[in-house]
Amino acid sequence: QKYDMVDDGEKSPKDSCVAGLLSLFFGPLGIHDFYCGKSKNG
């Protein structure tokens, strides 16, 4: 029988709550993008 190991995938080390709060209060300025390493978008 073929069997594939269950793998949820690697997650980002960045805190989603911090990213969410930065997006909520400073989102249009791209602060959450800078925090998550997406400087171009920011």
ModelCIF file with pLDDT and N, C-alpha, C, O atoms, coordinates in Angstrom:
data_MODEL
#
_entry.id   MODEL 
#
_entity.id                         1 
_entity.type                       polymer 
_entity.pdbx_number_of_molecules   1 
#
_entity_poly.entity_id                      1 
_entity_poly.type                           'polypeptide(L)' 
_entity_poly.nstd_linkage                   no 
_entity_poly.nstd_monomer                   no 
_entity_poly.pdbx_seq_one_letter_code       QKYDMVDDGEKSPKDSCVAGLLSLFFGPLGIHDFYCGKSKNG 
_entity_poly.pdbx_seq_one_letter_code_can   QKYDMVDDGEKSPKDSCVAGLLSLFFGPLGIHDFYCGKSKNG 
_entity_poly.pdbx_strand_id                 A 
#
loop_
_entity_poly_seq.entity_id 
_entity_poly_seq.num 
_entity_poly_seq.mon_id 
_entity_poly_seq.hetero 
1 1  GLN n 
1 2  LYS n 
1 3  TYR n 
1 4  ASP n 
1 5  MET n 
1 6  VAL n 
1 7  ASP n 
1 8  ASP n 
1 9  GLY n 
1 10 GLU n 
1 11 LYS n 
1 12 SER n 
1 13 PRO n 
1 14 LYS n 
1 15 ASP n 
1 16 SER n 
1 17 CYS n 
1 18 VAL n 
1 19 ALA n 
1 20 GLY n 
1 21 LEU n 
1 22 LEU n 
1 23 SER n 
1 24 LEU n 
1 25 PHE n 
1 26 PHE n 
1 27 GLY n 
1 28 PRO n 
1 29 LEU n 
1 30 GLY n 
1 31 ILE n 
1 32 HIS n 
1 33 ASP n 
1 34 PHE n 
1 35 TYR n 
1 36 CYS n 
1 37 GLY n 
1 38 LYS n 
1 39 SER n 
1 40 LYS n 
1 41 ASN n 
1 42 GLY n 
#
_struct_asym.id          A 
_struct_asym.entity_id   1 
#
loop_
_ma_qa_metric.id 
_ma_qa_metric.mode 
_ma_qa_metric.name 
_ma_qa_metric.software_group_id 
_ma_qa_metric.type 
1 global pLDDT . pLDDT 
2 local  pLDDT . pLDDT 
#
_ma_qa_metric_global.metric_id      1 
_ma_qa_metric_global.metric_value   83.88 
_ma_qa_metric_global.model_id       1 
_ma_qa_metric_global.ordinal_id     1 
#
loop_
_ma_qa_metric_local.label_asym_id 
_ma_qa_metric_local.label_comp_id 
_ma_qa_metric_local.label_seq_id 
_ma_qa_metric_local.metric_id 
_ma_qa_metric_local.metric_value 
_ma_qa_metric_local.model_id 
_ma_qa_metric_local.ordinal_id 
A GLN 1  2 46.00 1 1  
A LYS 2  2 45.00 1 2  
A TYR 3  2 41.00 1 3  
A ASP 4  2 43.00 1 4  
A MET 5  2 40.00 1 5  
A VAL 6  2 40.00 1 6  
A ASP 7  2 45.00 1 7  
A ASP 8  2 55.00 1 8  
A GLY 9  2 73.00 1 9  
A GLU 10 2 86.00 1 10 
A LYS 11 2 90.00 1 11 
A SER 12 2 92.00 1 12 
A PRO 13 2 94.00 1 13 
A LYS 14 2 94.00 1 14 
A ASP 15 2 95.00 1 15 
A SER 16 2 94.00 1 16 
A CYS 17 2 95.00 1 17 
A VAL 18 2 95.00 1 18 
A ALA 19 2 94.00 1 19 
A GLY 20 2 93.00 1 20 
A LEU 21 2 95.00 1 21 
A LEU 22 2 95.00 1 22 
A SER 23 2 93.00 1 23 
A LEU 24 2 93.00 1 24 
A PHE 25 2 94.00 1 25 
A PHE 26 2 93.00 1 26 
A GLY 27 2 91.00 1 27 
A PRO 28 2 92.00 1 28 
A LEU 29 2 94.00 1 29 
A GLY 30 2 93.00 1 30 
A ILE 31 2 95.00 1 31 
A HIS 32 2 95.00 1 32 
A ASP 33 2 96.00 1 33 
A PHE 34 2 96.00 1 34 
A TYR 35 2 95.00 1 35 
A CYS 36 2 96.00 1 36 
A GLY 37 2 95.00 1 37 
A LYS 38 2 95.00 1 38 
A SER 39 2 94.00 1 39 
A LYS 40 2 95.00 1 40 
A ASN 41 2 94.00 1 41 
A GLY 42 2 94.00 1 42 
#
loop_
_atom_site.group_PDB 
_atom_site.id 
_atom_site.type_symbol 
_atom_site.label_atom_id 
_atom_site.label_alt_id 
_atom_site.label_comp_id 
_atom_site.label_asym_id 
_atom_site.label_entity_id 
_atom_site.label_seq_id 
_atom_site.pdbx_PDB_ins_code 
_atom_site.Cartn_x 
_atom_site.Cartn_y 
_atom_site.Cartn_z 
_atom_site.occupancy 
_atom_site.B_iso_or_equiv 
_atom_site.pdbx_formal_charge 
_atom_site.auth_seq_id 
_atom_site.auth_comp_id 
_atom_site.auth_asym_id 
_atom_site.auth_atom_id 
_atom_site.pdbx_PDB_model_num 
ATOM 1   N N  . GLN A 1 1  ? 0.832  -1.202 0.000  1.00 46.00 ? 1  GLN A N  1 
ATOM 2   C CA . GLN A 1 1  ? 0.000  0.000  0.000  1.00 46.00 ? 1  GLN A CA 1 
ATOM 3   C C  . GLN A 1 1  ? 0.862  1.246  0.000  1.00 46.00 ? 1  GLN A C  1 
ATOM 4   O O  . GLN A 1 1  ? 1.796  1.374  0.791  1.00 46.00 ? 1  GLN A O  1 
ATOM 5   N N  . LYS A 1 2  ? 0.527  2.180  -0.918 1.00 45.00 ? 2  LYS A N  1 
ATOM 6   C CA . LYS A 1 2  ? 1.239  3.452  -0.934 1.00 45.00 ? 2  LYS A CA 1 
ATOM 7   C C  . LYS A 1 2  ? 0.762  4.292  0.230  1.00 45.00 ? 2  LYS A C  1 
ATOM 8   O O  . LYS A 1 2  ? -0.428 4.293  0.545  1.00 45.00 ? 2  LYS A O  1 
ATOM 9   N N  . TYR A 1 3  ? 1.653  4.993  0.864  1.00 41.00 ? 3  TYR A N  1 
ATOM 10  C CA . TYR A 1 3  ? 1.287  5.789  2.047  1.00 41.00 ? 3  TYR A CA 1 
ATOM 11  C C  . TYR A 1 3  ? 2.083  7.072  2.056  1.00 41.00 ? 3  TYR A C  1 
ATOM 12  O O  . TYR A 1 3  ? 3.307  7.060  1.931  1.00 41.00 ? 3  TYR A O  1 
ATOM 13  N N  . ASP A 1 4  ? 1.384  8.173  2.206  1.00 43.00 ? 4  ASP A N  1 
ATOM 14  C CA . ASP A 1 4  ? 2.038  9.482  2.278  1.00 43.00 ? 4  ASP A CA 1 
ATOM 15  C C  . ASP A 1 4  ? 1.973  9.980  3.708  1.00 43.00 ? 4  ASP A C  1 
ATOM 16  O O  . ASP A 1 4  ? 0.907  10.006 4.323  1.00 43.00 ? 4  ASP A O  1 
ATOM 17  N N  . MET A 1 5  ? 3.090  10.363 4.215  1.00 40.00 ? 5  MET A N  1 
ATOM 18  C CA . MET A 1 5  ? 3.129  10.899 5.572  1.00 40.00 ? 5  MET A CA 1 
ATOM 19  C C  . MET A 1 5  ? 2.352  12.197 5.645  1.00 40.00 ? 5  MET A C  1 
ATOM 20  O O  . MET A 1 5  ? 2.472  13.022 4.739  1.00 40.00 ? 5  MET A O  1 
ATOM 21  N N  . VAL A 1 6  ? 1.552  12.416 6.697  1.00 40.00 ? 6  VAL A N  1 
ATOM 22  C CA . VAL A 1 6  ? 0.807  13.666 6.891  1.00 40.00 ? 6  VAL A CA 1 
ATOM 23  C C  . VAL A 1 6  ? 1.790  14.759 7.264  1.00 40.00 ? 6  VAL A C  1 
ATOM 24  O O  . VAL A 1 6  ? 2.552  14.655 8.225  1.00 40.00 ? 6  VAL A O  1 
ATOM 25  N N  . ASP A 1 7  ? 1.739  15.824 6.451  1.00 45.00 ? 7  ASP A N  1 
ATOM 26  C CA . ASP A 1 7  ? 2.693  16.913 6.675  1.00 45.00 ? 7  ASP A CA 1 
ATOM 27  C C  . ASP A 1 7  ? 1.970  18.241 6.569  1.00 45.00 ? 7  ASP A C  1 
ATOM 28  O O  . ASP A 1 7  ? 1.554  18.644 5.482  1.00 45.00 ? 7  ASP A O  1 
ATOM 29  N N  . ASP A 1 8  ? 1.821  18.911 7.676  1.00 55.00 ? 8  ASP A N  1 
ATOM 30  C CA . ASP A 1 8  ? 1.125  20.201 7.669  1.00 55.00 ? 8  ASP A CA 1 
ATOM 31  C C  . ASP A 1 8  ? 1.947  21.285 7.001  1.00 55.00 ? 8  ASP A C  1 
ATOM 32  O O  . ASP A 1 8  ? 1.422  22.374 6.767  1.00 55.00 ? 8  ASP A O  1 
ATOM 33  N N  . GLY A 1 9  ? 3.176  21.049 6.690  1.00 73.00 ? 9  GLY A N  1 
ATOM 34  C CA . GLY A 1 9  ? 4.026  22.047 6.052  1.00 73.00 ? 9  GLY A CA 1 
ATOM 35  C C  . GLY A 1 9  ? 4.702  22.927 7.087  1.00 73.00 ? 9  GLY A C  1 
ATOM 36  O O  . GLY A 1 9  ? 4.242  23.054 8.221  1.00 73.00 ? 9  GLY A O  1 
ATOM 37  N N  . GLU A 1 10 ? 5.785  23.518 6.676  1.00 86.00 ? 10 GLU A N  1 
ATOM 38  C CA . GLU A 1 10 ? 6.532  24.386 7.581  1.00 86.00 ? 10 GLU A CA 1 
ATOM 39  C C  . GLU A 1 10 ? 5.820  25.718 7.718  1.00 86.00 ? 10 GLU A C  1 
ATOM 40  O O  . GLU A 1 10 ? 5.357  26.286 6.729  1.00 86.00 ? 10 GLU A O  1 
ATOM 41  N N  . LYS A 1 11 ? 5.732  26.207 8.918  1.00 90.00 ? 11 LYS A N  1 
ATOM 42  C CA . LYS A 1 11 ? 5.069  27.478 9.194  1.00 90.00 ? 11 LYS A CA 1 
ATOM 43  C C  . LYS A 1 11 ? 6.093  28.584 9.385  1.00 90.00 ? 11 LYS A C  1 
ATOM 44  O O  . LYS A 1 11 ? 7.254  28.339 9.711  1.00 90.00 ? 11 LYS A O  1 
ATOM 45  N N  . SER A 1 12 ? 5.629  29.807 9.174  1.00 92.00 ? 12 SER A N  1 
ATOM 46  C CA . SER A 1 12 ? 6.493  30.967 9.354  1.00 92.00 ? 12 SER A CA 1 
ATOM 47  C C  . SER A 1 12 ? 6.779  31.172 10.839 1.00 92.00 ? 12 SER A C  1 
ATOM 48  O O  . SER A 1 12 ? 5.907  30.943 11.678 1.00 92.00 ? 12 SER A O  1 
ATOM 49  N N  . PRO A 1 13 ? 7.982  31.598 11.163 1.00 94.00 ? 13 PRO A N  1 
ATOM 50  C CA . PRO A 1 13 ? 8.296  31.871 12.568 1.00 94.00 ? 13 PRO A CA 1 
ATOM 51  C C  . PRO A 1 13 ? 7.672  33.177 13.055 1.00 94.00 ? 13 PRO A C  1 
ATOM 52  O O  . PRO A 1 13 ? 7.706  33.469 14.251 1.00 94.00 ? 13 PRO A O  1 
ATOM 53  N N  . LYS A 1 14 ? 7.116  33.947 12.162 1.00 94.00 ? 14 LYS A N  1 
ATOM 54  C CA . LYS A 1 14 ? 6.517  35.222 12.555 1.00 94.00 ? 14 LYS A CA 1 
ATOM 55  C C  . LYS A 1 14 ? 5.206  34.984 13.296 1.00 94.00 ? 14 LYS A C  1 
ATOM 56  O O  . LYS A 1 14 ? 4.456  34.061 12.979 1.00 94.00 ? 14 LYS A O  1 
ATOM 57  N N  . ASP A 1 15 ? 4.946  35.826 14.280 1.00 95.00 ? 15 ASP A N  1 
ATOM 58  C CA . ASP A 1 15 ? 3.742  35.711 15.102 1.00 95.00 ? 15 ASP A CA 1 
ATOM 59  C C  . ASP A 1 15 ? 2.552  36.290 14.350 1.00 95.00 ? 15 ASP A C  1 
ATOM 60  O O  . ASP A 1 15 ? 2.548  37.474 14.011 1.00 95.00 ? 15 ASP A O  1 
ATOM 61  N N  . SER A 1 16 ? 1.545  35.469 14.088 1.00 94.00 ? 16 SER A N  1 
ATOM 62  C CA . SER A 1 16 ? 0.383  35.919 13.322 1.00 94.00 ? 16 SER A CA 1 
ATOM 63  C C  . SER A 1 16 ? -0.434 36.968 14.081 1.00 94.00 ? 16 SER A C  1 
ATOM 64  O O  . SER A 1 16 ? -1.053 37.835 13.465 1.00 94.00 ? 16 SER A O  1 
ATOM 65  N N  . CYS A 1 17 ? -0.437 36.893 15.408 1.00 95.00 ? 17 CYS A N  1 
ATOM 66  C CA . CYS A 1 17 ? -1.172 37.895 16.195 1.00 95.00 ? 17 CYS A CA 1 
ATOM 67  C C  . CYS A 1 17 ? -0.522 39.270 16.063 1.00 95.00 ? 17 CYS A C  1 
ATOM 68  O O  . CYS A 1 17 ? -1.212 40.279 15.925 1.00 95.00 ? 17 CYS A O  1 
ATOM 69  N N  . VAL A 1 18 ? 0.814  39.302 16.106 1.00 95.00 ? 18 VAL A N  1 
ATOM 70  C CA . VAL A 1 18 ? 1.521  40.566 15.927 1.00 95.00 ? 18 VAL A CA 1 
ATOM 71  C C  . VAL A 1 18 ? 1.263  41.106 14.525 1.00 95.00 ? 18 VAL A C  1 
ATOM 72  O O  . VAL A 1 18 ? 0.979  42.291 14.347 1.00 95.00 ? 18 VAL A O  1 
ATOM 73  N N  . ALA A 1 19 ? 1.365  40.219 13.526 1.00 94.00 ? 19 ALA A N  1 
ATOM 74  C CA . ALA A 1 19 ? 1.116  40.642 12.147 1.00 94.00 ? 19 ALA A CA 1 
ATOM 75  C C  . ALA A 1 19 ? -0.305 41.160 11.987 1.00 94.00 ? 19 ALA A C  1 
ATOM 76  O O  . ALA A 1 19 ? -0.539 42.154 11.299 1.00 94.00 ? 19 ALA A O  1 
ATOM 77  N N  . GLY A 1 20 ? -1.258 40.478 12.630 1.00 93.00 ? 20 GLY A N  1 
ATOM 78  C CA . GLY A 1 20 ? -2.654 40.904 12.538 1.00 93.00 ? 20 GLY A CA 1 
ATOM 79  C C  . GLY A 1 20 ? -2.891 42.268 13.158 1.00 93.00 ? 20 GLY A C  1 
ATOM 80  O O  . GLY A 1 20 ? -3.602 43.099 12.593 1.00 93.00 ? 20 GLY A O  1 
ATOM 81  N N  . LEU A 1 21 ? -2.289 42.502 14.334 1.00 95.00 ? 21 LEU A N  1 
ATOM 82  C CA . LEU A 1 21 ? -2.446 43.796 15.000 1.00 95.00 ? 21 LEU A CA 1 
ATOM 83  C C  . LEU A 1 21 ? -1.793 44.922 14.196 1.00 95.00 ? 21 LEU A C  1 
ATOM 84  O O  . LEU A 1 21 ? -2.342 46.019 14.099 1.00 95.00 ? 21 LEU A O  1 
ATOM 85  N N  . LEU A 1 22 ? -0.619 44.644 13.621 1.00 95.00 ? 22 LEU A N  1 
ATOM 86  C CA . LEU A 1 22 ? 0.047  45.657 12.791 1.00 95.00 ? 22 LEU A CA 1 
ATOM 87  C C  . LEU A 1 22 ? -0.785 45.964 11.550 1.00 95.00 ? 22 LEU A C  1 
ATOM 88  O O  . LEU A 1 22 ? -0.868 47.111 11.113 1.00 95.00 ? 22 LEU A O  1 
ATOM 89  N N  . SER A 1 23 ? -1.401 44.924 10.991 1.00 93.00 ? 23 SER A N  1 
ATOM 90  C CA . SER A 1 23 ? -2.252 45.123 9.821  1.00 93.00 ? 23 SER A CA 1 
ATOM 91  C C  . SER A 1 23 ? -3.505 45.904 10.187 1.00 93.00 ? 23 SER A C  1 
ATOM 92  O O  . SER A 1 23 ? -3.961 46.759 9.428  1.00 93.00 ? 23 SER A O  1 
ATOM 93  N N  . LEU A 1 24 ? -4.056 45.601 11.360 1.00 93.00 ? 24 LEU A N  1 
ATOM 94  C CA . LEU A 1 24 ? -5.290 46.257 11.791 1.00 93.00 ? 24 LEU A CA 1 
ATOM 95  C C  . LEU A 1 24 ? -5.094 47.753 12.020 1.00 93.00 ? 24 LEU A C  1 
ATOM 96  O O  . LEU A 1 24 ? -5.933 48.559 11.619 1.00 93.00 ? 24 LEU A O  1 
ATOM 97  N N  . PHE A 1 25 ? -3.982 48.124 12.666 1.00 94.00 ? 25 PHE A N  1 
ATOM 98  C CA . PHE A 1 25 ? -3.777 49.529 13.050 1.00 94.00 ? 25 PHE A CA 1 
ATOM 99  C C  . PHE A 1 25 ? -2.893 50.314 12.070 1.00 94.00 ? 25 PHE A C  1 
ATOM 100 O O  . PHE A 1 25 ? -3.048 51.528 11.937 1.00 94.00 ? 25 PHE A O  1 
ATOM 101 N N  . PHE A 1 26 ? -1.976 49.637 11.391 1.00 93.00 ? 26 PHE A N  1 
ATOM 102 C CA . PHE A 1 26 ? -1.055 50.347 10.497 1.00 93.00 ? 26 PHE A CA 1 
ATOM 103 C C  . PHE A 1 26 ? -0.992 49.709 9.110  1.00 93.00 ? 26 PHE A C  1 
ATOM 104 O O  . PHE A 1 26 ? -0.042 49.934 8.360  1.00 93.00 ? 26 PHE A O  1 
ATOM 105 N N  . GLY A 1 27 ? -2.004 48.915 8.776  1.00 91.00 ? 27 GLY A N  1 
ATOM 106 C CA . GLY A 1 27 ? -1.986 48.141 7.545  1.00 91.00 ? 27 GLY A CA 1 
ATOM 107 C C  . GLY A 1 27 ? -1.714 48.926 6.270  1.00 91.00 ? 27 GLY A C  1 
ATOM 108 O O  . GLY A 1 27 ? -0.852 48.515 5.494  1.00 91.00 ? 27 GLY A O  1 
ATOM 109 N N  . PRO A 1 28 ? -2.408 50.040 6.010  1.00 92.00 ? 28 PRO A N  1 
ATOM 110 C CA . PRO A 1 28 ? -2.173 50.784 4.771  1.00 92.00 ? 28 PRO A CA 1 
ATOM 111 C C  . PRO A 1 28 ? -0.745 51.293 4.619  1.00 92.00 ? 28 PRO A C  1 
ATOM 112 O O  . PRO A 1 28 ? -0.315 51.621 3.513  1.00 92.00 ? 28 PRO A O  1 
ATOM 113 N N  . LEU A 1 29 ? -0.015 51.360 5.722  1.00 94.00 ? 29 LEU A N  1 
ATOM 114 C CA . LEU A 1 29 ? 1.392  51.793 5.658  1.00 94.00 ? 29 LEU A CA 1 
ATOM 115 C C  . LEU A 1 29 ? 2.334  50.619 5.415  1.00 94.00 ? 29 LEU A C  1 
ATOM 116 O O  . LEU A 1 29 ? 3.537  50.812 5.239  1.00 94.00 ? 29 LEU A O  1 
ATOM 117 N N  . GLY A 1 30 ? 1.791  49.403 5.404  1.00 93.00 ? 30 GLY A N  1 
ATOM 118 C CA . GLY A 1 30 ? 2.600  48.227 5.110  1.00 93.00 ? 30 GLY A CA 1 
ATOM 119 C C  . GLY A 1 30 ? 3.484  47.766 6.249  1.00 93.00 ? 30 GLY A C  1 
ATOM 120 O O  . GLY A 1 30 ? 4.435  47.021 6.013  1.00 93.00 ? 30 GLY A O  1 
ATOM 121 N N  . ILE A 1 31 ? 3.205  48.184 7.488  1.00 95.00 ? 31 ILE A N  1 
ATOM 122 C CA . ILE A 1 31 ? 4.075  47.817 8.620  1.00 95.00 ? 31 ILE A CA 1 
ATOM 123 C C  . ILE A 1 31 ? 4.098  46.311 8.835  1.00 95.00 ? 31 ILE A C  1 
ATOM 124 O O  . ILE A 1 31 ? 5.143  45.751 9.166  1.00 95.00 ? 31 ILE A O  1 
ATOM 125 N N  . HIS A 1 32 ? 2.949  45.641 8.651  1.00 95.00 ? 32 HIS A N  1 
ATOM 126 C CA . HIS A 1 32 ? 2.924  44.187 8.839  1.00 95.00 ? 32 HIS A CA 1 
ATOM 127 C C  . HIS A 1 32 ? 3.755  43.481 7.766  1.00 95.00 ? 32 HIS A C  1 
ATOM 128 O O  . HIS A 1 32 ? 4.315  42.413 8.014  1.00 95.00 ? 32 HIS A O  1 
ATOM 129 N N  . ASP A 1 33 ? 3.831  44.075 6.581  1.00 96.00 ? 33 ASP A N  1 
ATOM 130 C CA . ASP A 1 33 ? 4.664  43.491 5.525  1.00 96.00 ? 33 ASP A CA 1 
ATOM 131 C C  . ASP A 1 33 ? 6.145  43.573 5.900  1.00 96.00 ? 33 ASP A C  1 
ATOM 132 O O  . ASP A 1 33 ? 6.894  42.612 5.723  1.00 96.00 ? 33 ASP A O  1 
ATOM 133 N N  . PHE A 1 34 ? 6.557  44.735 6.420  1.00 96.00 ? 34 PHE A N  1 
ATOM 134 C CA . PHE A 1 34 ? 7.952  44.869 6.860  1.00 96.00 ? 34 PHE A CA 1 
ATOM 135 C C  . PHE A 1 34 ? 8.267  43.865 7.963  1.00 96.00 ? 34 PHE A C  1 
ATOM 136 O O  . PHE A 1 34 ? 9.340  43.262 7.982  1.00 96.00 ? 34 PHE A O  1 
ATOM 137 N N  . TYR A 1 35 ? 7.310  43.691 8.890  1.00 95.00 ? 35 TYR A N  1 
ATOM 138 C CA . TYR A 1 35 ? 7.512  42.747 9.997  1.00 95.00 ? 35 TYR A CA 1 
ATOM 139 C C  . TYR A 1 35 ? 7.689  41.319 9.482  1.00 95.00 ? 35 TYR A C  1 
ATOM 140 O O  . TYR A 1 35 ? 8.479  40.549 10.029 1.00 95.00 ? 35 TYR A O  1 
ATOM 141 N N  . CYS A 1 36 ? 6.955  40.973 8.433  1.00 96.00 ? 36 CYS A N  1 
ATOM 142 C CA . CYS A 1 36 ? 7.005  39.608 7.911  1.00 96.00 ? 36 CYS A CA 1 
ATOM 143 C C  . CYS A 1 36 ? 8.045  39.427 6.812  1.00 96.00 ? 36 CYS A C  1 
ATOM 144 O O  . CYS A 1 36 ? 8.100  38.374 6.178  1.00 96.00 ? 36 CYS A O  1 
ATOM 145 N N  . GLY A 1 37 ? 8.867  40.442 6.583  1.00 95.00 ? 37 GLY A N  1 
ATOM 146 C CA . GLY A 1 37 ? 9.935  40.301 5.607  1.00 95.00 ? 37 GLY A CA 1 
ATOM 147 C C  . GLY A 1 37 ? 9.517  40.536 4.172  1.00 95.00 ? 37 GLY A C  1 
ATOM 148 O O  . GLY A 1 37 ? 10.246 40.170 3.250  1.00 95.00 ? 37 GLY A O  1 
ATOM 149 N N  . LYS A 1 38 ? 8.359  41.139 3.961  1.00 95.00 ? 38 LYS A N  1 
ATOM 150 C CA . LYS A 1 38 ? 7.891  41.440 2.600  1.00 95.00 ? 38 LYS A CA 1 
ATOM 151 C C  . LYS A 1 38 ? 8.069  42.937 2.350  1.00 95.00 ? 38 LYS A C  1 
ATOM 152 O O  . LYS A 1 38 ? 7.102  43.677 2.170  1.00 95.00 ? 38 LYS A O  1 
ATOM 153 N N  . SER A 1 39 ? 9.318  43.356 2.343  1.00 94.00 ? 39 SER A N  1 
ATOM 154 C CA . SER A 1 39 ? 9.633  44.785 2.258  1.00 94.00 ? 39 SER A CA 1 
ATOM 155 C C  . SER A 1 39 ? 9.117  45.418 0.977  1.00 94.00 ? 39 SER A C  1 
ATOM 156 O O  . SER A 1 39 ? 8.689  46.572 0.991  1.00 94.00 ? 39 SER A O  1 
ATOM 157 N N  . LYS A 1 40 ? 9.148  44.697 -0.112 1.00 95.00 ? 40 LYS A N  1 
ATOM 158 C CA . LYS A 1 40 ? 8.681  45.246 -1.387 1.00 95.00 ? 40 LYS A CA 1 
ATOM 159 C C  . LYS A 1 40 ? 7.213  45.670 -1.298 1.00 95.00 ? 40 LYS A C  1 
ATOM 160 O O  . LYS A 1 40 ? 6.853  46.778 -1.693 1.00 95.00 ? 40 LYS A O  1 
ATOM 161 N N  . ASN A 1 41 ? 6.366  44.767 -0.770 1.00 94.00 ? 41 ASN A N  1 
ATOM 162 C CA . ASN A 1 41 ? 4.950  45.102 -0.589 1.00 94.00 ? 41 ASN A CA 1 
ATOM 163 C C  . ASN A 1 41 ? 4.784  46.285 0.351  1.00 94.00 ? 41 ASN A C  1 
ATOM 164 O O  . ASN A 1 41 ? 3.965  47.173 0.116  1.00 94.00 ? 41 ASN A O  1 
ATOM 165 N N  . GLY A 1 42 ? 5.576  46.284 1.424  1.00 94.00 ? 42 GLY A N  1 
ATOM 166 C CA . GLY A 1 42 ? 5.484  47.370 2.391  1.00 94.00 ? 42 GLY A CA 1 
ATOM 167 C C  . GLY A 1 42 ? 5.828  48.714 1.779  1.00 94.00 ? 42 GLY A C  1 
ATOM 168 O O  . GLY A 1 42 ? 5.797  49.733 2.469  1.00 94.00 ? 42 GLY A O  1 
#
